[in-house]
PDB file of N, CA and C in Angstrom:
ATOM      1  N   UNK A   1     -31.936  -2.000  -2.245  1.00  0.00           N
ATOM      2  CA  UNK A   1     -31.735  -1.014  -3.277  1.00  0.00           C
ATOM      3  C   UNK A   1     -31.200  -1.710  -4.526  1.00  0.00           C
ATOM      4  N   UNK A   2     -31.723  -1.393  -5.695  1.00  0.00           N
ATOM      5  CA  UNK A   2     -31.282  -2.084  -6.914  1.00  0.00           C
ATOM      6  C   UNK A   2     -29.853  -1.712  -7.301  1.00  0.00           C
ATOM      7  N   UNK A   3     -29.196  -2.638  -7.976  1.00  0.00           N
ATOM      8  CA  UNK A   3     -27.806  -2.451  -8.373  1.00  0.00           C
ATOM      9  C   UNK A   3     -27.670  -1.342  -9.408  1.00  0.00           C
ATOM     10  N   UNK A   4     -28.734  -1.056 -10.149  1.00  0.00           N
ATOM     11  CA  UNK A   4     -28.676  -0.010 -11.177  1.00  0.00           C
ATOM     12  C   UNK A   4     -28.343   1.353 -10.588  1.00  0.00           C
ATOM     13  N   UNK A   5     -28.846   1.641  -9.403  1.00  0.00           N
ATOM     14  CA  UNK A   5     -28.548   2.929  -8.776  1.00  0.00           C
ATOM     15  C   UNK A   5     -27.076   3.034  -8.397  1.00  0.00           C
ATOM     16  N   UNK A   6     -26.499   1.949  -7.890  1.00  0.00           N
ATOM     17  CA  UNK A   6     -25.080   1.948  -7.556  1.00  0.00           C
ATOM     18  C   UNK A   6     -24.228   2.150  -8.810  1.00  0.00           C
ATOM     19  N   UNK A   7     -24.624   1.488  -9.888  1.00  0.00           N
ATOM     20  CA  UNK A   7     -23.886   1.625 -11.140  1.00  0.00           C
ATOM     21  C   UNK A   7     -23.967   3.057 -11.649  1.00  0.00           C
ATOM     22  N   UNK A   8     -25.148   3.664 -11.563  1.00  0.00           N
ATOM     23  CA  UNK A   8     -25.314   5.035 -12.024  1.00  0.00           C
ATOM     24  C   UNK A   8     -24.467   6.008 -11.204  1.00  0.00           C
ATOM     25  N   UNK A   9     -24.487   5.878  -9.891  1.00  0.00           N
ATOM     26  CA  UNK A   9     -23.703   6.774  -9.035  1.00  0.00           C
ATOM     27  C   UNK A   9     -22.206   6.580  -9.281  1.00  0.00           C
ATOM     28  N   UNK A  10     -21.776   5.334  -9.385  1.00  0.00           N
ATOM     29  CA  UNK A  10     -20.354   5.074  -9.631  1.00  0.00           C
ATOM     30  C   UNK A  10     -19.929   5.593 -11.002  1.00  0.00           C
ATOM     31  N   UNK A  11     -20.775   5.435 -12.007  1.00  0.00           N
ATOM     32  CA  UNK A  11     -20.467   5.948 -13.331  1.00  0.00           C
ATOM     33  C   UNK A  11     -20.377   7.474 -13.327  1.00  0.00           C
ATOM     34  N   UNK A  12     -21.286   8.122 -12.610  1.00  0.00           N
ATOM     35  CA  UNK A  12     -21.246   9.582 -12.515  1.00  0.00           C
ATOM     36  C   UNK A  12     -19.967  10.043 -11.819  1.00  0.00           C
ATOM     37  N   UNK A  13     -19.601   9.396 -10.710  1.00  0.00           N
ATOM     38  CA  UNK A  13     -18.370   9.756 -10.000  1.00  0.00           C
ATOM     39  C   UNK A  13     -17.140   9.529 -10.868  1.00  0.00           C
ATOM     40  N   UNK A  14     -17.123   8.409 -11.573  1.00  0.00           N
ATOM     41  CA  UNK A  14     -15.970   8.103 -12.414  1.00  0.00           C
ATOM     42  C   UNK A  14     -15.850   9.106 -13.556  1.00  0.00           C
ATOM     43  N   UNK A  15     -16.976   9.474 -14.164  1.00  0.00           N
ATOM     44  CA  UNK A  15     -16.939  10.453 -15.266  1.00  0.00           C
ATOM     45  C   UNK A  15     -16.500  11.827 -14.774  1.00  0.00           C
ATOM     46  N   UNK A  16     -16.962  12.226 -13.597  1.00  0.00           N
ATOM     47  CA  UNK A  16     -16.511  13.498 -13.025  1.00  0.00           C
ATOM     48  C   UNK A  16     -15.005  13.463 -12.794  1.00  0.00           C
ATOM     49  N   UNK A  17     -14.494  12.333 -12.302  1.00  0.00           N
ATOM     50  CA  UNK A  17     -13.059  12.194 -12.089  1.00  0.00           C
ATOM     51  C   UNK A  17     -12.264  12.255 -13.382  1.00  0.00           C
ATOM     52  N   UNK A  18     -12.743  11.584 -14.422  1.00  0.00           N
ATOM     53  CA  UNK A  18     -12.039  11.594 -15.714  1.00  0.00           C
ATOM     54  C   UNK A  18     -12.036  12.994 -16.311  1.00  0.00           C
ATOM     55  N   UNK A  19     -13.174  13.671 -16.253  1.00  0.00           N
ATOM     56  CA  UNK A  19     -13.241  15.035 -16.777  1.00  0.00           C
ATOM     57  C   UNK A  19     -12.313  15.953 -15.997  1.00  0.00           C
ATOM     58  N   UNK A  20     -12.245  15.772 -14.691  1.00  0.00           N
ATOM     59  CA  UNK A  20     -11.346  16.580 -13.876  1.00  0.00           C
ATOM     60  C   UNK A  20      -9.883  16.347 -14.204  1.00  0.00           C
ATOM     61  N   UNK A  21      -9.515  15.097 -14.432  1.00  0.00           N
ATOM     62  CA  UNK A  21      -8.120  14.791 -14.774  1.00  0.00           C
ATOM     63  C   UNK A  21      -7.760  15.370 -16.138  1.00  0.00           C
ATOM     64  N   UNK A  22      -8.677  15.292 -17.076  1.00  0.00           N
ATOM     65  CA  UNK A  22      -8.377  15.745 -18.432  1.00  0.00           C
ATOM     66  C   UNK A  22      -8.418  17.256 -18.595  1.00  0.00           C
ATOM     67  N   UNK A  23      -9.184  17.966 -17.776  1.00  0.00           N
ATOM     68  CA  UNK A  23      -9.356  19.400 -17.994  1.00  0.00           C
ATOM     69  C   UNK A  23      -8.586  20.280 -17.028  1.00  0.00           C
ATOM     70  N   UNK A  24      -8.233  19.806 -15.873  1.00  0.00           N
ATOM     71  CA  UNK A  24      -7.578  20.651 -14.870  1.00  0.00           C
ATOM     72  C   UNK A  24      -6.072  20.661 -15.054  1.00  0.00           C
ATOM     73  N   UNK A  25      -5.462  21.738 -14.606  1.00  0.00           N
ATOM     74  CA  UNK A  25      -4.007  21.869 -14.672  1.00  0.00           C
ATOM     75  C   UNK A  25      -3.359  21.792 -13.301  1.00  0.00           C
ATOM     76  N   UNK A  26      -4.138  21.995 -12.269  1.00  0.00           N
ATOM     77  CA  UNK A  26      -3.604  21.969 -10.913  1.00  0.00           C
ATOM     78  C   UNK A  26      -3.358  20.522 -10.491  1.00  0.00           C
ATOM     79  N   UNK A  27      -2.154  20.239 -10.036  1.00  0.00           N
ATOM     80  CA  UNK A  27      -1.784  18.865  -9.694  1.00  0.00           C
ATOM     81  C   UNK A  27      -2.583  18.336  -8.506  1.00  0.00           C
ATOM     82  N   UNK A  28      -2.916  19.187  -7.566  1.00  0.00           N
ATOM     83  CA  UNK A  28      -3.683  18.740  -6.404  1.00  0.00           C
ATOM     84  C   UNK A  28      -5.098  18.351  -6.819  1.00  0.00           C
ATOM     85  N   UNK A  29      -5.709  19.119  -7.700  1.00  0.00           N
ATOM     86  CA  UNK A  29      -7.046  18.786  -8.198  1.00  0.00           C
ATOM     87  C   UNK A  29      -7.000  17.475  -8.982  1.00  0.00           C
ATOM     88  N   UNK A  30      -5.943  17.263  -9.736  1.00  0.00           N
ATOM     89  CA  UNK A  30      -5.804  16.011 -10.494  1.00  0.00           C
ATOM     90  C   UNK A  30      -5.729  14.821  -9.546  1.00  0.00           C
ATOM     91  N   UNK A  31      -4.979  14.950  -8.450  1.00  0.00           N
ATOM     92  CA  UNK A  31      -4.915  13.856  -7.473  1.00  0.00           C
ATOM     93  C   UNK A  31      -6.278  13.622  -6.825  1.00  0.00           C
ATOM     94  N   UNK A  32      -7.025  14.682  -6.553  1.00  0.00           N
ATOM     95  CA  UNK A  32      -8.358  14.516  -5.980  1.00  0.00           C
ATOM     96  C   UNK A  32      -9.287  13.795  -6.954  1.00  0.00           C
ATOM     97  N   UNK A  33      -9.172  14.096  -8.246  1.00  0.00           N
ATOM     98  CA  UNK A  33     -10.009  13.427  -9.245  1.00  0.00           C
ATOM     99  C   UNK A  33      -9.625  11.954  -9.393  1.00  0.00           C
ATOM    100  N   UNK A  34      -8.350  11.643  -9.275  1.00  0.00           N
ATOM    101  CA  UNK A  34      -7.926  10.239  -9.311  1.00  0.00           C
ATOM    102  C   UNK A  34      -8.499   9.491  -8.112  1.00  0.00           C
ATOM    103  N   UNK A  35      -8.499  10.117  -6.957  1.00  0.00           N
ATOM    104  CA  UNK A  35      -9.097   9.489  -5.778  1.00  0.00           C
ATOM    105  C   UNK A  35     -10.597   9.298  -5.969  1.00  0.00           C
ATOM    106  N   UNK A  36     -11.252  10.239  -6.620  1.00  0.00           N
ATOM    107  CA  UNK A  36     -12.682  10.110  -6.898  1.00  0.00           C
ATOM    108  C   UNK A  36     -12.954   8.910  -7.796  1.00  0.00           C
ATOM    109  N   UNK A  37     -12.093   8.701  -8.798  1.00  0.00           N
ATOM    110  CA  UNK A  37     -12.250   7.540  -9.673  1.00  0.00           C
ATOM    111  C   UNK A  37     -12.024   6.242  -8.905  1.00  0.00           C
ATOM    112  N   UNK A  38     -11.042   6.211  -8.022  1.00  0.00           N
ATOM    113  CA  UNK A  38     -10.806   5.008  -7.217  1.00  0.00           C
ATOM    114  C   UNK A  38     -11.987   4.717  -6.301  1.00  0.00           C
ATOM    115  N   UNK A  39     -12.584   5.752  -5.732  1.00  0.00           N
ATOM    116  CA  UNK A  39     -13.746   5.543  -4.870  1.00  0.00           C
ATOM    117  C   UNK A  39     -14.953   5.050  -5.663  1.00  0.00           C
ATOM    118  N   UNK A  40     -15.090   5.473  -6.910  1.00  0.00           N
ATOM    119  CA  UNK A  40     -16.179   4.958  -7.751  1.00  0.00           C
ATOM    120  C   UNK A  40     -15.991   3.465  -7.997  1.00  0.00           C
ATOM    121  N   UNK A  41     -14.772   3.058  -8.256  1.00  0.00           N
ATOM    122  CA  UNK A  41     -14.493   1.633  -8.462  1.00  0.00           C
ATOM    123  C   UNK A  41     -14.732   0.854  -7.166  1.00  0.00           C
ATOM    124  N   UNK A  42     -14.358   1.413  -6.044  1.00  0.00           N
ATOM    125  CA  UNK A  42     -14.606   0.752  -4.761  1.00  0.00           C
ATOM    126  C   UNK A  42     -16.099   0.576  -4.507  1.00  0.00           C
ATOM    127  N   UNK A  43     -16.884   1.596  -4.847  1.00  0.00           N
ATOM    128  CA  UNK A  43     -18.333   1.500  -4.681  1.00  0.00           C
ATOM    129  C   UNK A  43     -18.904   0.363  -5.515  1.00  0.00           C
ATOM    130  N   UNK A  44     -18.467   0.258  -6.755  1.00  0.00           N
ATOM    131  CA  UNK A  44     -18.944  -0.834  -7.609  1.00  0.00           C
ATOM    132  C   UNK A  44     -18.509  -2.196  -7.089  1.00  0.00           C
ATOM    133  N   UNK A  45     -17.290  -2.280  -6.599  1.00  0.00           N
ATOM    134  CA  UNK A  45     -16.781  -3.553  -6.085  1.00  0.00           C
ATOM    135  C   UNK A  45     -17.622  -4.038  -4.909  1.00  0.00           C
ATOM    136  N   UNK A  46     -17.938  -3.162  -3.986  1.00  0.00           N
ATOM    137  CA  UNK A  46     -18.750  -3.557  -2.832  1.00  0.00           C
ATOM    138  C   UNK A  46     -20.191  -3.852  -3.255  1.00  0.00           C
ATOM    139  N   UNK A  47     -20.730  -3.065  -4.183  1.00  0.00           N
ATOM    140  CA  UNK A  47     -22.109  -3.304  -4.630  1.00  0.00           C
ATOM    141  C   UNK A  47     -22.237  -4.648  -5.331  1.00  0.00           C
ATOM    142  N   UNK A  48     -21.281  -4.969  -6.211  1.00  0.00           N
ATOM    143  CA  UNK A  48     -21.341  -6.269  -6.884  1.00  0.00           C
ATOM    144  C   UNK A  48     -21.093  -7.415  -5.917  1.00  0.00           C
ATOM    145  N   UNK A  49     -20.268  -7.177  -4.900  1.00  0.00           N
ATOM    146  CA  UNK A  49     -20.050  -8.216  -3.897  1.00  0.00           C
ATOM    147  C   UNK A  49     -21.334  -8.501  -3.122  1.00  0.00           C
ATOM    148  N   UNK A  50     -22.047  -7.460  -2.744  1.00  0.00           N
ATOM    149  CA  UNK A  50     -23.302  -7.662  -2.014  1.00  0.00           C
ATOM    150  C   UNK A  50     -24.354  -8.336  -2.895  1.00  0.00           C
ATOM    151  N   UNK A  51     -24.374  -7.970  -4.192  1.00  0.00           N
ATOM    152  CA  UNK A  51     -25.305  -8.605  -5.110  1.00  0.00           C
ATOM    153  C   UNK A  51     -24.968 -10.098  -5.250  1.00  0.00           C
ATOM    154  N   UNK A  52     -23.689 -10.399  -5.386  1.00  0.00           N
ATOM    155  CA  UNK A  52     -23.260 -11.788  -5.519  1.00  0.00           C
ATOM    156  C   UNK A  52     -23.537 -12.568  -4.235  1.00  0.00           C
ATOM    157  N   UNK A  53     -23.344 -11.927  -3.089  1.00  0.00           N
ATOM    158  CA  UNK A  53     -23.613 -12.584  -1.813  1.00  0.00           C
ATOM    159  C   UNK A  53     -25.092 -12.925  -1.683  1.00  0.00           C
ATOM    160  N   UNK A  54     -25.955 -12.022  -2.119  1.00  0.00           N
ATOM    161  CA  UNK A  54     -27.394 -12.289  -2.033  1.00  0.00           C
ATOM    162  C   UNK A  54     -27.784 -13.450  -2.941  1.00  0.00           C
ATOM    163  N   UNK A  55     -27.182 -13.517  -4.127  1.00  0.00           N
ATOM    164  CA  UNK A  55     -27.485 -14.621  -5.038  1.00  0.00           C
ATOM    165  C   UNK A  55     -26.938 -15.940  -4.512  1.00  0.00           C
ATOM    166  N   UNK A  56     -25.736 -15.910  -3.940  1.00  0.00           N
ATOM    167  CA  UNK A  56     -25.156 -17.141  -3.396  1.00  0.00           C
ATOM    168  C   UNK A  56     -25.900 -17.593  -2.151  1.00  0.00           C
ATOM    169  N   UNK A  57     -26.377 -16.652  -1.357  1.00  0.00           N
ATOM    170  CA  UNK A  57     -27.121 -17.016  -0.158  1.00  0.00           C
ATOM    171  C   UNK A  57     -28.420 -17.713  -0.479  1.00  0.00           C
ATOM    172  N   UNK A  58     -29.045 -17.305  -1.567  1.00  0.00           N
ATOM    173  CA  UNK A  58     -30.297 -17.952  -1.973  1.00  0.00           C
ATOM    174  C   UNK A  58     -30.038 -19.329  -2.576  1.00  0.00           C
ATOM    175  N   UNK A  59     -28.944 -19.458  -3.327  1.00  0.00           N
ATOM    176  CA  UNK A  59     -28.671 -20.715  -4.025  1.00  0.00           C
ATOM    177  C   UNK A  59     -28.093 -21.772  -3.083  1.00  0.00           C
ATOM    178  N   UNK A  60     -27.031 -21.411  -2.377  1.00  0.00           N
ATOM    179  CA  UNK A  60     -26.365 -22.375  -1.492  1.00  0.00           C
ATOM    180  C   UNK A  60     -25.906 -21.656  -0.228  1.00  0.00           C
ATOM    181  N   UNK A  61     -26.715 -21.645   0.801  1.00  0.00           N
ATOM    182  CA  UNK A  61     -26.351 -20.904   2.018  1.00  0.00           C
ATOM    183  C   UNK A  61     -25.073 -21.400   2.675  1.00  0.00           C
ATOM    184  N   UNK A  62     -24.739 -22.650   2.516  1.00  0.00           N
ATOM    185  CA  UNK A  62     -23.538 -23.183   3.160  1.00  0.00           C
ATOM    186  C   UNK A  62     -22.267 -22.715   2.467  1.00  0.00           C
ATOM    187  N   UNK A  63     -22.343 -22.417   1.157  1.00  0.00           N
ATOM    188  CA  UNK A  63     -21.154 -22.020   0.411  1.00  0.00           C
ATOM    189  C   UNK A  63     -20.900 -20.518   0.437  1.00  0.00           C
ATOM    190  N   UNK A  64     -21.874 -19.726   0.833  1.00  0.00           N
ATOM    191  CA  UNK A  64     -21.723 -18.270   0.809  1.00  0.00           C
ATOM    192  C   UNK A  64     -20.868 -17.808   1.983  1.00  0.00           C
ATOM    193  N   UNK A  65     -19.879 -16.961   1.672  1.00  0.00           N
ATOM    194  CA  UNK A  65     -19.108 -16.364   2.756  1.00  0.00           C
ATOM    195  C   UNK A  65     -19.881 -15.161   3.282  1.00  0.00           C
ATOM    196  N   UNK A  66     -19.299 -14.445   4.194  1.00  0.00           N
ATOM    197  CA  UNK A  66     -20.029 -13.345   4.816  1.00  0.00           C
ATOM    198  C   UNK A  66     -19.881 -12.036   4.053  1.00  0.00           C
ATOM    199  N   UNK A  67     -19.335 -12.032   2.840  1.00  0.00           N
ATOM    200  CA  UNK A  67     -19.284 -10.844   2.012  1.00  0.00           C
ATOM    201  C   UNK A  67     -18.149  -9.898   2.307  1.00  0.00           C
ATOM    202  N   UNK A  68     -17.136 -10.375   2.991  1.00  0.00           N
ATOM    203  CA  UNK A  68     -16.036  -9.479   3.357  1.00  0.00           C
ATOM    204  C   UNK A  68     -14.894  -9.490   2.348  1.00  0.00           C
ATOM    205  N   UNK A  69     -14.954 -10.334   1.328  1.00  0.00           N
ATOM    206  CA  UNK A  69     -13.871 -10.392   0.349  1.00  0.00           C
ATOM    207  C   UNK A  69     -13.703  -9.061  -0.366  1.00  0.00           C
ATOM    208  N   UNK A  70     -14.785  -8.515  -0.876  1.00  0.00           N
ATOM    209  CA  UNK A  70     -14.703  -7.235  -1.593  1.00  0.00           C
ATOM    210  C   UNK A  70     -14.325  -6.111  -0.644  1.00  0.00           C
ATOM    211  N   UNK A  71     -14.779  -6.186   0.586  1.00  0.00           N
ATOM    212  CA  UNK A  71     -14.427  -5.141   1.545  1.00  0.00           C
ATOM    213  C   UNK A  71     -12.935  -5.169   1.855  1.00  0.00           C
ATOM    214  N   UNK A  72     -12.333  -6.349   1.861  1.00  0.00           N
ATOM    215  CA  UNK A  72     -10.880  -6.428   2.046  1.00  0.00           C
ATOM    216  C   UNK A  72     -10.144  -5.842   0.848  1.00  0.00           C
ATOM    217  N   UNK A  73     -10.620  -6.136  -0.359  1.00  0.00           N
ATOM    218  CA  UNK A  73     -10.015  -5.538  -1.549  1.00  0.00           C
ATOM    219  C   UNK A  73     -10.123  -4.022  -1.510  1.00  0.00           C
ATOM    220  N   UNK A  74     -11.276  -3.510  -1.104  1.00  0.00           N
ATOM    221  CA  UNK A  74     -11.471  -2.061  -1.013  1.00  0.00           C
ATOM    222  C   UNK A  74     -10.508  -1.469   0.019  1.00  0.00           C
ATOM    223  N   UNK A  75     -10.327  -2.153   1.131  1.00  0.00           N
ATOM    224  CA  UNK A  75      -9.401  -1.672   2.146  1.00  0.00           C
ATOM    225  C   UNK A  75      -7.984  -1.586   1.591  1.00  0.00           C
ATOM    226  N   UNK A  76      -7.541  -2.607   0.871  1.00  0.00           N
ATOM    227  CA  UNK A  76      -6.188  -2.575   0.303  1.00  0.00           C
ATOM    228  C   UNK A  76      -6.064  -1.518  -0.795  1.00  0.00           C
ATOM    229  N   UNK A  77      -7.113  -1.315  -1.579  1.00  0.00           N
ATOM    230  CA  UNK A  77      -7.087  -0.259  -2.587  1.00  0.00           C
ATOM    231  C   UNK A  77      -6.950   1.101  -1.908  1.00  0.00           C
ATOM    232  N   UNK A  78      -7.644   1.297  -0.803  1.00  0.00           N
ATOM    233  CA  UNK A  78      -7.552   2.569  -0.095  1.00  0.00           C
ATOM    234  C   UNK A  78      -6.175   2.771   0.524  1.00  0.00           C
ATOM    235  N   UNK A  79      -5.557   1.708   1.003  1.00  0.00           N
ATOM    236  CA  UNK A  79      -4.201   1.826   1.557  1.00  0.00           C
ATOM    237  C   UNK A  79      -3.209   2.193   0.462  1.00  0.00           C
ATOM    238  N   UNK A  80      -3.313   1.540  -0.688  1.00  0.00           N
ATOM    239  CA  UNK A  80      -2.410   1.856  -1.802  1.00  0.00           C
ATOM    240  C   UNK A  80      -2.663   3.277  -2.302  1.00  0.00           C
ATOM    241  N   UNK A  81      -3.918   3.696  -2.341  1.00  0.00           N
ATOM    242  CA  UNK A  81      -4.236   5.054  -2.779  1.00  0.00           C
ATOM    243  C   UNK A  81      -3.688   6.087  -1.803  1.00  0.00           C
ATOM    244  N   UNK A  82      -3.734   5.785  -0.515  1.00  0.00           N
ATOM    245  CA  UNK A  82      -3.170   6.706   0.473  1.00  0.00           C
ATOM    246  C   UNK A  82      -1.650   6.826   0.310  1.00  0.00           C
ATOM    247  N   UNK A  83      -1.000   5.705   0.035  1.00  0.00           N
ATOM    248  CA  UNK A  83       0.445   5.756  -0.210  1.00  0.00           C
ATOM    249  C   UNK A  83       0.755   6.536  -1.483  1.00  0.00           C
ATOM    250  N   UNK A  84      -0.067   6.358  -2.501  1.00  0.00           N
ATOM    251  CA  UNK A  84       0.115   7.101  -3.755  1.00  0.00           C
ATOM    252  C   UNK A  84      -0.038   8.600  -3.527  1.00  0.00           C
ATOM    253  N   UNK A  85      -1.028   8.989  -2.763  1.00  0.00           N
ATOM    254  CA  UNK A  85      -1.248  10.404  -2.490  1.00  0.00           C
ATOM    255  C   UNK A  85      -0.097  10.977  -1.677  1.00  0.00           C
ATOM    256  N   UNK A  86       0.426  10.205  -0.757  1.00  0.00           N
ATOM    257  CA  UNK A  86       1.551  10.680   0.047  1.00  0.00           C
ATOM    258  C   UNK A  86       2.756  10.965  -0.829  1.00  0.00           C
ATOM    259  N   UNK A  87       3.088  10.047  -1.708  1.00  0.00           N
ATOM    260  CA  UNK A  87       4.224  10.250  -2.614  1.00  0.00           C
ATOM    261  C   UNK A  87       3.931  11.381  -3.589  1.00  0.00           C
ATOM    262  N   UNK A  88       2.710  11.423  -4.118  1.00  0.00           N
ATOM    263  CA  UNK A  88       2.343  12.475  -5.058  1.00  0.00           C
ATOM    264  C   UNK A  88       2.387  13.859  -4.431  1.00  0.00           C
ATOM    265  N   UNK A  89       1.886  13.983  -3.208  1.00  0.00           N
ATOM    266  CA  UNK A  89       1.934  15.280  -2.547  1.00  0.00           C
ATOM    267  C   UNK A  89       3.360  15.692  -2.210  1.00  0.00           C
ATOM    268  N   UNK A  90       4.219  14.742  -1.894  1.00  0.00           N
ATOM    269  CA  UNK A  90       5.631  15.072  -1.669  1.00  0.00           C
ATOM    270  C   UNK A  90       6.265  15.597  -2.956  1.00  0.00           C
ATOM    271  N   UNK A  91       5.933  14.986  -4.081  1.00  0.00           N
ATOM    272  CA  UNK A  91       6.448  15.467  -5.373  1.00  0.00           C
ATOM    273  C   UNK A  91       5.910  16.858  -5.673  1.00  0.00           C
ATOM    274  N   UNK A  92       4.631  17.093  -5.385  1.00  0.00           N
ATOM    275  CA  UNK A  92       4.040  18.407  -5.633  1.00  0.00           C
ATOM    276  C   UNK A  92       4.688  19.471  -4.752  1.00  0.00           C
ATOM    277  N   UNK A  93       4.952  19.149  -3.501  1.00  0.00           N
ATOM    278  CA  UNK A  93       5.607  20.112  -2.607  1.00  0.00           C
ATOM    279  C   UNK A  93       7.005  20.446  -3.113  1.00  0.00           C
ATOM    280  N   UNK A  94       7.730  19.441  -3.554  1.00  0.00           N
ATOM    281  CA  UNK A  94       9.072  19.715  -4.093  1.00  0.00           C
ATOM    282  C   UNK A  94       8.992  20.518  -5.390  1.00  0.00           C
ATOM    283  N   UNK A  95       8.001  20.234  -6.215  1.00  0.00           N
ATOM    284  CA  UNK A  95       7.818  21.007  -7.438  1.00  0.00           C
ATOM    285  C   UNK A  95       7.487  22.457  -7.098  1.00  0.00           C
ATOM    286  N   UNK A  96       6.642  22.673  -6.104  1.00  0.00           N
ATOM    287  CA  UNK A  96       6.284  24.030  -5.711  1.00  0.00           C
ATOM    288  C   UNK A  96       7.487  24.784  -5.142  1.00  0.00           C
ATOM    289  N   UNK A  97       8.311  24.097  -4.388  1.00  0.00           N
ATOM    290  CA  UNK A  97       9.511  24.747  -3.839  1.00  0.00           C
ATOM    291  C   UNK A  97      10.471  25.180  -4.940  1.00  0.00           C
ATOM    292  N   UNK A  98      10.551  24.410  -6.007  1.00  0.00           N
ATOM    293  CA  UNK A  98      11.475  24.735  -7.096  1.00  0.00           C
ATOM    294  C   UNK A  98      10.902  25.730  -8.092  1.00  0.00           C
ATOM    295  N   UNK A  99       9.606  25.628  -8.392  1.00  0.00           N
ATOM    296  CA  UNK A  99       9.039  26.440  -9.467  1.00  0.00           C
ATOM    297  C   UNK A  99       8.023  27.467  -8.989  1.00  0.00           C
ATOM    298  N   UNK A 100       7.577  27.406  -7.749  1.00  0.00           N
ATOM    299  CA  UNK A 100       6.545  28.277  -7.179  1.00  0.00           C
ATOM    300  C   UNK A 100       5.245  28.196  -7.976  1.00  0.00           C
ATOM    301  N   UNK A 101       4.919  26.990  -8.471  1.00  0.00           N
ATOM    302  CA  UNK A 101       3.678  26.745  -9.202  1.00  0.00           C
ATOM    303  C   UNK A 101       3.336  25.266  -9.093  1.00  0.00           C
ATOM    304  N   UNK A 102       2.034  24.981  -9.099  1.00  0.00           N
ATOM    305  CA  UNK A 102       1.586  23.585  -9.123  1.00  0.00           C
ATOM    306  C   UNK A 102       0.899  23.272 -10.444  1.00  0.00           C
ATOM    307  N   UNK A 103       1.166  24.089 -11.460  1.00  0.00           N
ATOM    308  CA  UNK A 103       0.610  23.876 -12.795  1.00  0.00           C
ATOM    309  C   UNK A 103       1.322  22.700 -13.453  1.00  0.00           C
ATOM    310  N   UNK A 104       0.552  21.732 -13.933  1.00  0.00           N
ATOM    311  CA  UNK A 104       1.129  20.526 -14.521  1.00  0.00           C
ATOM    312  C   UNK A 104       1.840  20.851 -15.833  1.00  0.00           C
ATOM    313  N   UNK A 105       1.332  21.804 -16.589  1.00  0.00           N
ATOM    314  CA  UNK A 105       1.976  22.178 -17.843  1.00  0.00           C
ATOM    315  C   UNK A 105       3.341  22.814 -17.622  1.00  0.00           C
ATOM    316  N   UNK A 106       3.574  23.326 -16.446  1.00  0.00           N
ATOM    317  CA  UNK A 106       4.863  23.934 -16.125  1.00  0.00           C
ATOM    318  C   UNK A 106       5.971  22.885 -15.989  1.00  0.00           C
ATOM    319  N   UNK A 107       5.586  21.614 -15.850  1.00  0.00           N
ATOM    320  CA  UNK A 107       6.584  20.549 -15.703  1.00  0.00           C
ATOM    321  C   UNK A 107       7.424  20.355 -16.965  1.00  0.00           C
ATOM    322  N   UNK A 108       6.941  20.757 -18.119  1.00  0.00           N
ATOM    323  CA  UNK A 108       7.713  20.633 -19.351  1.00  0.00           C
ATOM    324  C   UNK A 108       8.997  21.449 -19.290  1.00  0.00           C
ATOM    325  N   UNK A 109       8.992  22.520 -18.522  1.00  0.00           N
ATOM    326  CA  UNK A 109      10.193  23.350 -18.383  1.00  0.00           C
ATOM    327  C   UNK A 109      11.278  22.689 -17.543  1.00  0.00           C
ATOM    328  N   UNK A 110      10.902  21.686 -16.768  1.00  0.00           N
ATOM    329  CA  UNK A 110      11.876  21.012 -15.907  1.00  0.00           C
ATOM    330  C   UNK A 110      12.733  20.014 -16.665  1.00  0.00           C
ATOM    331  N   UNK A 111      12.415  19.750 -17.931  1.00  0.00           N
ATOM    332  CA  UNK A 111      13.180  18.774 -18.705  1.00  0.00           C
ATOM    333  C   UNK A 111      14.586  19.284 -19.000  1.00  0.00           C
ATOM    334  N   UNK A 112      14.749  20.577 -19.175  1.00  0.00           N
ATOM    335  CA  UNK A 112      16.059  21.135 -19.522  1.00  0.00           C
ATOM    336  C   UNK A 112      16.981  21.261 -18.342  1.00  0.00           C
TER     337      UNK A 112
END
């Protein structure tokens, strides 16, 4: 499959995530859109790794690794994203307990 299709899908996912972050007020939806953007970046990372592996395999088969470098990076990105979501959801739950709303604009009232 050509790399252009992977780039197009990742760009579409990333744009949907950015639009969701910029237009939504619900904190849970914002976290879901951030995860969507991270998954788009992960898709590109693995696609470019496979493309690079194919080029290295043709040029120098002895120097090419088995293509797991990008997959390890994706795994660590997913672990960090899971930790981020855990902390973010804990903050959202505490915000809901105090204000009975998950509206992000409502956070301005918490400054006082």
